[in-house]
Amino acid sequence: MKKVAFLSATVAMLVLSGCSSKEPAIDATANGASAGTNVNAAGANGSVISPITNANPTDANAAANGANATGSDGKLVSILFDYDKFDIRADMQEAMTKNTMLLKGKTIKLEGNCDEFGSDEYNYALGLKRANAVKAALINGGVSADAISMTSLGESNPVCLEKTQECWAKNRRVDFKLP
């Protein structure tokens, strides 16, 4: 009996620590959309959405100047996370509240993202945990659970490629995508 348990544990470890390869995004949508669906490029009406502020391209200058950083202009703001964490930071609570107010009665897709540290598998799981944390906050704020879908992009969708703490911090986020 001990031999079977040991063999089972060994096989499980080998399977779980197998070779890493870039996988498509983990899609946790209830509506059965195919895994790997990436809505980064454009919304349903063809407008491109910026990851950090979710502003239209015409708002790029305002976003670059930090005008959308708090969401005070009616734009959705990405929720940033600390390294290796998936709880919503205290400094993101105001942005989360504003996003919740803007999303009531709308359908939304949450995209969890990570920095480049950690394995692909770990980052996909962490991105999904971040999306789940934001989903829970939205639901607590009155957004319908049925109107929210989630996906994890892991580290595959960085908004900053520099090797600095500030850049890595921008990549640890959940983006909001409207269909």
N, C-alpha and C. Protein backbone atom coordinates (compact mmCIF):
# COMPACT_ATOMS: atom_id res chain seq x y z
N MET A 1 0.82 -1.19 0.00
CA MET A 1 0.00 0.00 0.00
C MET A 1 0.86 1.26 0.00
N LYS A 2 1.96 1.25 0.81
CA LYS A 2 2.86 2.39 0.85
C LYS A 2 3.53 2.60 -0.49
N LYS A 3 3.83 1.50 -1.18
CA LYS A 3 4.49 1.59 -2.48
C LYS A 3 3.57 2.26 -3.50
N VAL A 4 2.29 1.96 -3.47
CA VAL A 4 1.32 2.55 -4.40
C VAL A 4 1.18 4.04 -4.10
N ALA A 5 1.09 4.41 -2.83
CA ALA A 5 0.96 5.82 -2.46
C ALA A 5 2.21 6.58 -2.89
N PHE A 6 3.40 6.00 -2.66
CA PHE A 6 4.65 6.66 -3.06
C PHE A 6 4.71 6.81 -4.57
N LEU A 7 4.36 5.77 -5.29
CA LEU A 7 4.38 5.83 -6.75
C LEU A 7 3.39 6.87 -7.27
N SER A 8 2.22 6.94 -6.68
CA SER A 8 1.21 7.93 -7.08
C SER A 8 1.72 9.35 -6.83
N ALA A 9 2.32 9.57 -5.68
CA ALA A 9 2.86 10.89 -5.35
C ALA A 9 3.98 11.26 -6.31
N THR A 10 4.84 10.32 -6.65
CA THR A 10 5.94 10.58 -7.57
C THR A 10 5.42 10.93 -8.96
N VAL A 11 4.46 10.19 -9.45
CA VAL A 11 3.88 10.47 -10.76
C VAL A 11 3.21 11.85 -10.76
N ALA A 12 2.49 12.16 -9.69
CA ALA A 12 1.83 13.47 -9.59
C ALA A 12 2.86 14.60 -9.62
N MET A 13 3.98 14.43 -8.90
CA MET A 13 5.03 15.45 -8.90
C MET A 13 5.62 15.63 -10.29
N LEU A 14 5.86 14.54 -10.98
CA LEU A 14 6.43 14.63 -12.32
C LEU A 14 5.48 15.31 -13.29
N VAL A 15 4.22 14.99 -13.19
CA VAL A 15 3.23 15.60 -14.08
C VAL A 15 3.12 17.10 -13.80
N LEU A 16 3.05 17.48 -12.53
CA LEU A 16 2.88 18.88 -12.16
C LEU A 16 4.13 19.71 -12.39
N SER A 17 5.30 19.09 -12.45
CA SER A 17 6.53 19.85 -12.66
C SER A 17 7.07 19.66 -14.06
N GLY A 18 6.24 19.24 -14.98
CA GLY A 18 6.64 18.99 -16.36
C GLY A 18 7.19 20.22 -17.04
N CYS A 19 7.70 20.03 -18.23
CA CYS A 19 8.29 21.11 -19.00
C CYS A 19 7.27 22.22 -19.24
N SER A 20 7.76 23.42 -19.13
CA SER A 20 6.90 24.58 -19.32
C SER A 20 6.88 24.98 -20.78
N SER A 21 5.72 25.38 -21.25
CA SER A 21 5.60 25.95 -22.58
C SER A 21 4.56 27.04 -22.51
N LYS A 22 4.68 28.02 -23.37
CA LYS A 22 3.70 29.11 -23.38
C LYS A 22 2.35 28.54 -23.80
N GLU A 23 1.40 28.61 -22.92
CA GLU A 23 0.06 28.13 -23.18
C GLU A 23 -0.83 29.32 -23.48
N PRO A 24 -1.93 29.11 -24.18
CA PRO A 24 -2.89 30.19 -24.34
C PRO A 24 -3.46 30.58 -22.98
N ALA A 25 -4.04 31.74 -22.91
CA ALA A 25 -4.60 32.23 -21.66
C ALA A 25 -5.63 31.27 -21.11
N ILE A 26 -5.64 31.14 -19.80
CA ILE A 26 -6.64 30.32 -19.14
C ILE A 26 -7.93 31.13 -19.14
N ASP A 27 -8.97 30.59 -19.69
CA ASP A 27 -10.23 31.32 -19.79
C ASP A 27 -11.22 30.72 -18.82
N ALA A 28 -11.65 31.51 -17.86
CA ALA A 28 -12.58 31.03 -16.84
C ALA A 28 -13.96 31.63 -17.04
N THR A 29 -14.39 31.70 -18.27
CA THR A 29 -15.69 32.29 -18.53
C THR A 29 -16.78 31.26 -18.37
N ALA A 30 -17.91 31.71 -17.91
CA ALA A 30 -19.05 30.80 -17.73
C ALA A 30 -19.78 30.57 -19.05
N ASN A 31 -19.56 31.44 -20.03
CA ASN A 31 -20.31 31.31 -21.28
C ASN A 31 -19.64 30.39 -22.28
N GLY A 32 -18.54 29.74 -21.89
CA GLY A 32 -17.94 28.72 -22.74
C GLY A 32 -17.11 29.28 -23.87
N ALA A 33 -16.63 30.50 -23.79
CA ALA A 33 -15.75 31.00 -24.84
C ALA A 33 -14.49 30.17 -24.86
N SER A 34 -13.88 30.07 -26.00
CA SER A 34 -12.72 29.20 -26.12
C SER A 34 -11.53 29.76 -25.37
N ALA A 35 -10.69 28.86 -24.84
CA ALA A 35 -9.51 29.28 -24.11
C ALA A 35 -8.57 30.00 -25.06
N GLY A 36 -7.89 30.99 -24.50
CA GLY A 36 -6.93 31.73 -25.30
C GLY A 36 -7.54 32.90 -26.03
N THR A 37 -8.82 33.13 -25.87
CA THR A 37 -9.43 34.27 -26.52
C THR A 37 -8.81 35.52 -25.92
N ASN A 38 -8.26 36.36 -26.76
CA ASN A 38 -7.58 37.55 -26.28
C ASN A 38 -8.30 38.76 -26.85
N VAL A 39 -8.87 39.56 -25.99
CA VAL A 39 -9.64 40.70 -26.43
C VAL A 39 -8.81 41.98 -26.35
N ASN A 40 -7.48 41.83 -26.27
CA ASN A 40 -6.63 43.00 -26.15
C ASN A 40 -6.73 43.93 -27.33
N ALA A 41 -6.77 43.39 -28.52
CA ALA A 41 -6.63 44.19 -29.71
C ALA A 41 -7.74 45.20 -29.89
N ALA A 42 -8.98 44.81 -29.78
CA ALA A 42 -10.06 45.76 -30.01
C ALA A 42 -11.33 45.29 -29.34
N GLY A 43 -12.18 46.24 -29.02
CA GLY A 43 -13.48 45.94 -28.48
C GLY A 43 -14.42 45.54 -29.61
N ALA A 44 -15.66 45.28 -29.28
CA ALA A 44 -16.62 44.84 -30.28
C ALA A 44 -16.83 45.87 -31.37
N ASN A 45 -16.71 47.15 -31.02
CA ASN A 45 -16.89 48.19 -32.01
C ASN A 45 -15.59 48.55 -32.72
N GLY A 46 -14.53 47.79 -32.45
CA GLY A 46 -13.25 48.00 -33.12
C GLY A 46 -12.37 49.01 -32.43
N SER A 47 -12.79 49.60 -31.31
CA SER A 47 -11.95 50.58 -30.64
C SER A 47 -10.92 49.85 -29.78
N VAL A 48 -9.69 50.27 -29.89
CA VAL A 48 -8.61 49.68 -29.12
C VAL A 48 -8.68 50.23 -27.71
N ILE A 49 -8.45 49.36 -26.73
CA ILE A 49 -8.53 49.77 -25.34
C ILE A 49 -7.15 49.68 -24.73
N SER A 50 -6.69 50.75 -24.13
CA SER A 50 -5.39 50.81 -23.49
C SER A 50 -5.43 50.00 -22.19
N PRO A 51 -4.44 49.16 -21.92
CA PRO A 51 -4.49 48.29 -20.75
C PRO A 51 -4.53 49.01 -19.40
N ILE A 52 -3.79 50.08 -19.22
CA ILE A 52 -3.73 50.68 -17.90
C ILE A 52 -4.96 51.53 -17.61
N THR A 53 -5.42 52.31 -18.56
CA THR A 53 -6.55 53.18 -18.28
C THR A 53 -7.81 52.77 -19.02
N ASN A 54 -7.70 51.84 -19.96
CA ASN A 54 -8.81 51.43 -20.80
C ASN A 54 -9.40 52.62 -21.55
N ALA A 55 -8.56 53.56 -21.89
CA ALA A 55 -9.00 54.72 -22.65
C ALA A 55 -8.93 54.40 -24.13
N ASN A 56 -9.69 55.13 -24.95
CA ASN A 56 -9.57 54.98 -26.38
C ASN A 56 -8.26 55.61 -26.84
N PRO A 57 -7.75 55.25 -28.04
CA PRO A 57 -6.46 55.77 -28.48
C PRO A 57 -6.42 57.29 -28.52
N THR A 58 -7.53 57.95 -28.72
CA THR A 58 -7.53 59.41 -28.77
C THR A 58 -7.21 60.00 -27.40
N ASP A 59 -7.31 59.19 -26.35
CA ASP A 59 -7.00 59.66 -25.01
C ASP A 59 -5.57 59.33 -24.61
N ALA A 60 -4.74 58.90 -25.56
CA ALA A 60 -3.38 58.45 -25.24
C ALA A 60 -2.56 59.55 -24.58
N ASN A 61 -2.68 60.78 -25.06
CA ASN A 61 -1.90 61.86 -24.44
C ASN A 61 -2.33 62.10 -23.01
N ALA A 62 -3.63 62.05 -22.75
CA ALA A 62 -4.11 62.23 -21.39
C ALA A 62 -3.62 61.10 -20.50
N ALA A 63 -3.62 59.89 -21.04
CA ALA A 63 -3.14 58.74 -20.25
C ALA A 63 -1.66 58.88 -19.95
N ALA A 64 -0.89 59.32 -20.94
CA ALA A 64 0.55 59.48 -20.74
C ALA A 64 0.84 60.53 -19.68
N ASN A 65 -0.02 61.54 -19.57
CA ASN A 65 0.17 62.59 -18.59
C ASN A 65 -0.44 62.26 -17.23
N GLY A 66 -1.02 61.08 -17.10
CA GLY A 66 -1.56 60.65 -15.82
C GLY A 66 -2.98 61.12 -15.57
N ALA A 67 -3.65 61.70 -16.56
CA ALA A 67 -4.99 62.22 -16.36
C ALA A 67 -5.99 61.13 -16.02
N ASN A 68 -5.75 59.91 -16.47
CA ASN A 68 -6.68 58.82 -16.23
C ASN A 68 -6.27 57.96 -15.06
N ALA A 69 -5.24 58.32 -14.35
CA ALA A 69 -4.70 57.46 -13.30
C ALA A 69 -5.72 57.16 -12.21
N THR A 70 -6.65 58.07 -11.94
CA THR A 70 -7.61 57.82 -10.88
C THR A 70 -8.98 57.44 -11.41
N GLY A 71 -9.17 57.49 -12.71
CA GLY A 71 -10.46 57.17 -13.27
C GLY A 71 -11.47 58.29 -13.09
N SER A 72 -11.01 59.48 -12.73
CA SER A 72 -11.92 60.59 -12.46
C SER A 72 -12.61 61.09 -13.72
N ASP A 73 -12.14 60.67 -14.88
CA ASP A 73 -12.74 61.13 -16.13
C ASP A 73 -13.76 60.14 -16.68
N GLY A 74 -14.16 59.15 -15.90
CA GLY A 74 -15.17 58.20 -16.34
C GLY A 74 -14.59 57.00 -17.05
N LYS A 75 -13.30 56.83 -17.06
CA LYS A 75 -12.65 55.68 -17.69
C LYS A 75 -12.37 54.61 -16.65
N LEU A 76 -12.40 53.38 -17.10
CA LEU A 76 -12.03 52.27 -16.22
C LEU A 76 -10.53 52.28 -16.00
N VAL A 77 -10.11 51.94 -14.80
CA VAL A 77 -8.70 51.95 -14.44
C VAL A 77 -8.28 50.53 -14.08
N SER A 78 -7.14 50.10 -14.61
CA SER A 78 -6.61 48.79 -14.24
C SER A 78 -6.27 48.78 -12.76
N ILE A 79 -6.49 47.64 -12.13
CA ILE A 79 -6.19 47.48 -10.71
C ILE A 79 -4.80 46.85 -10.61
N LEU A 80 -3.90 47.52 -9.89
CA LEU A 80 -2.53 47.07 -9.74
C LEU A 80 -2.37 46.25 -8.46
N PHE A 81 -1.40 45.32 -8.49
CA PHE A 81 -1.18 44.42 -7.37
C PHE A 81 0.29 44.44 -6.96
N ASP A 82 0.54 44.06 -5.71
CA ASP A 82 1.91 43.93 -5.22
C ASP A 82 2.52 42.64 -5.76
N TYR A 83 3.82 42.56 -5.69
CA TYR A 83 4.57 41.39 -6.14
C TYR A 83 4.05 40.13 -5.44
N ASP A 84 3.72 39.13 -6.24
CA ASP A 84 3.32 37.81 -5.74
C ASP A 84 2.06 37.86 -4.87
N LYS A 85 1.20 38.86 -5.06
CA LYS A 85 0.00 39.01 -4.26
C LYS A 85 -1.22 39.07 -5.17
N PHE A 86 -2.39 38.73 -4.62
CA PHE A 86 -3.62 38.84 -5.37
C PHE A 86 -4.73 39.52 -4.58
N ASP A 87 -4.36 40.17 -3.47
CA ASP A 87 -5.35 40.95 -2.74
C ASP A 87 -5.30 42.39 -3.24
N ILE A 88 -6.45 43.04 -3.29
CA ILE A 88 -6.52 44.40 -3.81
C ILE A 88 -5.89 45.36 -2.79
N ARG A 89 -4.92 46.12 -3.27
CA ARG A 89 -4.18 47.03 -2.40
C ARG A 89 -5.08 48.16 -1.90
N ALA A 90 -4.73 48.73 -0.76
CA ALA A 90 -5.49 49.83 -0.17
C ALA A 90 -5.53 51.03 -1.11
N ASP A 91 -4.43 51.31 -1.80
CA ASP A 91 -4.39 52.47 -2.69
C ASP A 91 -5.18 52.25 -3.98
N MET A 92 -5.69 51.04 -4.21
CA MET A 92 -6.50 50.74 -5.39
C MET A 92 -7.99 50.71 -5.06
N GLN A 93 -8.35 50.88 -3.79
CA GLN A 93 -9.76 50.78 -3.38
C GLN A 93 -10.62 51.86 -4.03
N GLU A 94 -10.11 53.08 -4.11
CA GLU A 94 -10.89 54.17 -4.73
C GLU A 94 -11.13 53.89 -6.21
N ALA A 95 -10.09 53.43 -6.90
CA ALA A 95 -10.24 53.08 -8.32
C ALA A 95 -11.21 51.92 -8.48
N MET A 96 -11.15 50.96 -7.57
CA MET A 96 -12.05 49.81 -7.63
C MET A 96 -13.50 50.27 -7.44
N THR A 97 -13.73 51.18 -6.52
CA THR A 97 -15.07 51.71 -6.28
C THR A 97 -15.59 52.45 -7.52
N LYS A 98 -14.75 53.28 -8.12
CA LYS A 98 -15.17 54.01 -9.32
C LYS A 98 -15.45 53.05 -10.48
N ASN A 99 -14.60 52.04 -10.64
CA ASN A 99 -14.83 51.04 -11.69
C ASN A 99 -16.16 50.33 -11.47
N THR A 100 -16.45 49.98 -10.22
CA THR A 100 -17.69 49.28 -9.90
C THR A 100 -18.89 50.13 -10.28
N MET A 101 -18.84 51.41 -9.99
CA MET A 101 -19.95 52.31 -10.34
C MET A 101 -20.14 52.37 -11.86
N LEU A 102 -19.04 52.39 -12.61
CA LEU A 102 -19.11 52.46 -14.06
C LEU A 102 -19.60 51.16 -14.69
N LEU A 103 -19.43 50.04 -14.00
CA LEU A 103 -19.73 48.74 -14.58
C LEU A 103 -21.09 48.17 -14.22
N LYS A 104 -21.82 48.80 -13.35
CA LYS A 104 -23.14 48.29 -12.98
C LYS A 104 -24.02 48.23 -14.22
N GLY A 105 -24.61 47.07 -14.46
CA GLY A 105 -25.49 46.88 -15.61
C GLY A 105 -24.76 46.59 -16.91
N LYS A 106 -23.44 46.42 -16.87
CA LYS A 106 -22.67 46.15 -18.08
C LYS A 106 -22.02 44.77 -18.00
N THR A 107 -21.67 44.24 -19.16
CA THR A 107 -20.91 42.99 -19.25
C THR A 107 -19.44 43.34 -19.33
N ILE A 108 -18.61 42.60 -18.62
CA ILE A 108 -17.19 42.93 -18.53
C ILE A 108 -16.35 41.66 -18.56
N LYS A 109 -15.16 41.77 -19.13
CA LYS A 109 -14.19 40.69 -19.09
C LYS A 109 -12.99 41.19 -18.30
N LEU A 110 -12.56 40.42 -17.31
CA LEU A 110 -11.41 40.75 -16.50
C LEU A 110 -10.21 39.95 -17.00
N GLU A 111 -9.08 40.64 -17.20
CA GLU A 111 -7.86 39.97 -17.65
C GLU A 111 -6.78 40.13 -16.60
N GLY A 112 -6.41 39.01 -15.96
CA GLY A 112 -5.36 39.01 -14.96
C GLY A 112 -3.99 38.95 -15.61
N ASN A 113 -3.06 39.77 -15.12
CA ASN A 113 -1.71 39.84 -15.69
C ASN A 113 -0.67 39.79 -14.58
N CYS A 114 0.55 39.38 -14.96
CA CYS A 114 1.65 39.24 -14.01
C CYS A 114 2.93 39.83 -14.59
N ASP A 115 3.92 40.01 -13.71
CA ASP A 115 5.24 40.41 -14.19
C ASP A 115 5.95 39.16 -14.71
N GLU A 116 7.18 39.29 -15.09
CA GLU A 116 7.91 38.20 -15.74
C GLU A 116 8.48 37.16 -14.78
N PHE A 117 8.32 37.35 -13.49
CA PHE A 117 8.90 36.42 -12.52
C PHE A 117 7.97 35.25 -12.27
N GLY A 118 8.53 34.09 -12.05
CA GLY A 118 7.73 32.89 -11.82
C GLY A 118 7.55 32.10 -13.10
N SER A 119 7.15 30.85 -12.94
CA SER A 119 6.93 29.98 -14.11
C SER A 119 5.66 30.41 -14.83
N ASP A 120 5.52 29.96 -16.06
CA ASP A 120 4.31 30.25 -16.83
C ASP A 120 3.07 29.77 -16.08
N GLU A 121 3.11 28.54 -15.58
CA GLU A 121 1.97 27.97 -14.89
C GLU A 121 1.61 28.79 -13.66
N TYR A 122 2.63 29.17 -12.88
CA TYR A 122 2.40 29.96 -11.68
C TYR A 122 1.76 31.30 -12.04
N ASN A 123 2.28 31.95 -13.08
CA ASN A 123 1.77 33.26 -13.46
C ASN A 123 0.35 33.19 -14.01
N TYR A 124 0.02 32.14 -14.75
CA TYR A 124 -1.37 31.99 -15.20
C TYR A 124 -2.30 31.82 -14.01
N ALA A 125 -1.89 31.03 -13.03
CA ALA A 125 -2.71 30.83 -11.83
C ALA A 125 -2.82 32.13 -11.03
N LEU A 126 -1.72 32.86 -10.89
CA LEU A 126 -1.74 34.13 -10.15
C LEU A 126 -2.61 35.16 -10.86
N GLY A 127 -2.52 35.22 -12.17
CA GLY A 127 -3.37 36.14 -12.93
C GLY A 127 -4.85 35.84 -12.73
N LEU A 128 -5.19 34.56 -12.67
CA LEU A 128 -6.59 34.17 -12.44
C LEU A 128 -7.02 34.51 -11.02
N LYS A 129 -6.14 34.36 -10.05
CA LYS A 129 -6.47 34.73 -8.67
C LYS A 129 -6.70 36.23 -8.56
N ARG A 130 -5.91 37.01 -9.28
CA ARG A 130 -6.10 38.47 -9.28
C ARG A 130 -7.44 38.83 -9.91
N ALA A 131 -7.77 38.19 -11.02
CA ALA A 131 -9.06 38.45 -11.67
C ALA A 131 -10.20 38.06 -10.74
N ASN A 132 -10.05 36.95 -10.02
CA ASN A 132 -11.08 36.51 -9.06
C ASN A 132 -11.26 37.52 -7.94
N ALA A 133 -10.16 38.11 -7.46
CA ALA A 133 -10.24 39.12 -6.39
C ALA A 133 -11.02 40.34 -6.87
N VAL A 134 -10.75 40.77 -8.10
CA VAL A 134 -11.47 41.92 -8.65
C VAL A 134 -12.93 41.56 -8.88
N LYS A 135 -13.18 40.35 -9.36
CA LYS A 135 -14.57 39.91 -9.58
C LYS A 135 -15.34 39.94 -8.26
N ALA A 136 -14.74 39.43 -7.20
CA ALA A 136 -15.40 39.42 -5.90
C ALA A 136 -15.72 40.84 -5.44
N ALA A 137 -14.79 41.77 -5.66
CA ALA A 137 -15.02 43.16 -5.27
C ALA A 137 -16.15 43.78 -6.10
N LEU A 138 -16.19 43.46 -7.39
CA LEU A 138 -17.27 43.97 -8.25
C LEU A 138 -18.63 43.43 -7.80
N ILE A 139 -18.67 42.14 -7.50
CA ILE A 139 -19.92 41.52 -7.05
C ILE A 139 -20.37 42.14 -5.72
N ASN A 140 -19.42 42.35 -4.80
CA ASN A 140 -19.76 42.99 -3.52
C ASN A 140 -20.27 44.41 -3.73
N GLY A 141 -19.85 45.04 -4.82
CA GLY A 141 -20.30 46.40 -5.12
C GLY A 141 -21.60 46.45 -5.91
N GLY A 142 -22.16 45.31 -6.26
CA GLY A 142 -23.45 45.29 -6.92
C GLY A 142 -23.44 44.93 -8.39
N VAL A 143 -22.28 44.57 -8.95
CA VAL A 143 -22.23 44.13 -10.34
C VAL A 143 -22.67 42.66 -10.38
N SER A 144 -23.48 42.31 -11.37
CA SER A 144 -23.98 40.95 -11.48
C SER A 144 -22.85 39.97 -11.80
N ALA A 145 -22.80 38.87 -11.08
CA ALA A 145 -21.78 37.85 -11.31
C ALA A 145 -21.88 37.28 -12.72
N ASP A 146 -23.09 37.19 -13.25
CA ASP A 146 -23.29 36.65 -14.60
C ASP A 146 -22.74 37.57 -15.68
N ALA A 147 -22.50 38.82 -15.36
CA ALA A 147 -22.01 39.79 -16.33
C ALA A 147 -20.48 39.84 -16.37
N ILE A 148 -19.82 39.02 -15.56
CA ILE A 148 -18.36 39.07 -15.46
C ILE A 148 -17.75 37.77 -15.95
N SER A 149 -16.81 37.87 -16.89
CA SER A 149 -16.02 36.71 -17.29
C SER A 149 -14.56 37.05 -16.99
N MET A 150 -13.74 36.02 -16.90
CA MET A 150 -12.35 36.22 -16.51
C MET A 150 -11.43 35.40 -17.40
N THR A 151 -10.20 35.90 -17.53
CA THR A 151 -9.15 35.15 -18.18
C THR A 151 -7.84 35.54 -17.54
N SER A 152 -6.86 34.68 -17.64
CA SER A 152 -5.52 35.00 -17.18
C SER A 152 -4.59 35.01 -18.37
N LEU A 153 -3.81 36.06 -18.47
CA LEU A 153 -2.82 36.15 -19.54
C LEU A 153 -1.41 35.91 -19.01
N GLY A 154 -1.31 35.64 -17.71
CA GLY A 154 -0.01 35.40 -17.11
C GLY A 154 0.92 36.56 -17.37
N GLU A 155 2.12 36.26 -17.83
CA GLU A 155 3.11 37.29 -18.13
C GLU A 155 3.14 37.64 -19.62
N SER A 156 2.20 37.12 -20.40
CA SER A 156 2.25 37.24 -21.85
C SER A 156 1.75 38.58 -22.41
N ASN A 157 1.27 39.48 -21.55
CA ASN A 157 0.70 40.74 -22.03
C ASN A 157 1.27 41.93 -21.26
N PRO A 158 2.59 42.12 -21.28
CA PRO A 158 3.16 43.24 -20.52
C PRO A 158 2.84 44.58 -21.17
N VAL A 159 2.68 45.61 -20.35
CA VAL A 159 2.51 46.96 -20.86
C VAL A 159 3.82 47.73 -20.77
N CYS A 160 4.81 47.15 -20.10
CA CYS A 160 6.11 47.78 -19.94
C CYS A 160 7.18 46.69 -20.02
N LEU A 161 8.23 46.96 -20.77
CA LEU A 161 9.26 45.94 -20.98
C LEU A 161 10.61 46.29 -20.34
N GLU A 162 10.71 47.43 -19.69
CA GLU A 162 11.97 47.81 -19.04
C GLU A 162 12.22 46.90 -17.84
N LYS A 163 13.47 46.76 -17.48
CA LYS A 163 13.85 45.92 -16.34
C LYS A 163 13.99 46.78 -15.09
N THR A 164 12.87 47.39 -14.66
CA THR A 164 12.86 48.23 -13.46
C THR A 164 11.68 47.85 -12.58
N GLN A 165 11.77 48.21 -11.30
CA GLN A 165 10.68 47.93 -10.36
C GLN A 165 9.39 48.61 -10.79
N GLU A 166 9.50 49.87 -11.27
CA GLU A 166 8.32 50.62 -11.69
C GLU A 166 7.63 49.93 -12.87
N CYS A 167 8.42 49.42 -13.79
CA CYS A 167 7.87 48.75 -14.97
C CYS A 167 7.20 47.43 -14.57
N TRP A 168 7.88 46.64 -13.77
CA TRP A 168 7.30 45.37 -13.35
C TRP A 168 5.99 45.59 -12.60
N ALA A 169 5.93 46.67 -11.80
CA ALA A 169 4.71 46.97 -11.04
C ALA A 169 3.53 47.25 -11.98
N LYS A 170 3.77 47.84 -13.14
CA LYS A 170 2.71 48.13 -14.10
C LYS A 170 2.15 46.85 -14.72
N ASN A 171 2.95 45.81 -14.76
CA ASN A 171 2.53 44.55 -15.37
C ASN A 171 1.74 43.66 -14.42
N ARG A 172 1.74 43.97 -13.14
CA ARG A 172 0.98 43.20 -12.14
C ARG A 172 -0.39 43.87 -11.98
N ARG A 173 -1.36 43.43 -12.80
CA ARG A 173 -2.62 44.17 -12.88
C ARG A 173 -3.77 43.29 -13.35
N VAL A 174 -4.98 43.84 -13.20
CA VAL A 174 -6.17 43.29 -13.84
C VAL A 174 -6.74 44.39 -14.73
N ASP A 175 -6.92 44.08 -16.01
CA ASP A 175 -7.51 45.01 -16.97
C ASP A 175 -8.99 44.70 -17.13
N PHE A 176 -9.76 45.72 -17.46
CA PHE A 176 -11.18 45.60 -17.70
C PHE A 176 -11.43 45.75 -19.20
N LYS A 177 -12.15 44.81 -19.78
CA LYS A 177 -12.48 44.86 -21.21
C LYS A 177 -13.98 44.83 -21.39
N LEU A 178 -14.49 45.83 -22.08
CA LEU A 178 -15.92 45.86 -22.41
C LEU A 178 -16.12 45.24 -23.78
N PRO A 179 -17.15 44.41 -23.94
CA PRO A 179 -17.37 43.78 -25.25
C PRO A 179 -17.80 44.78 -26.31
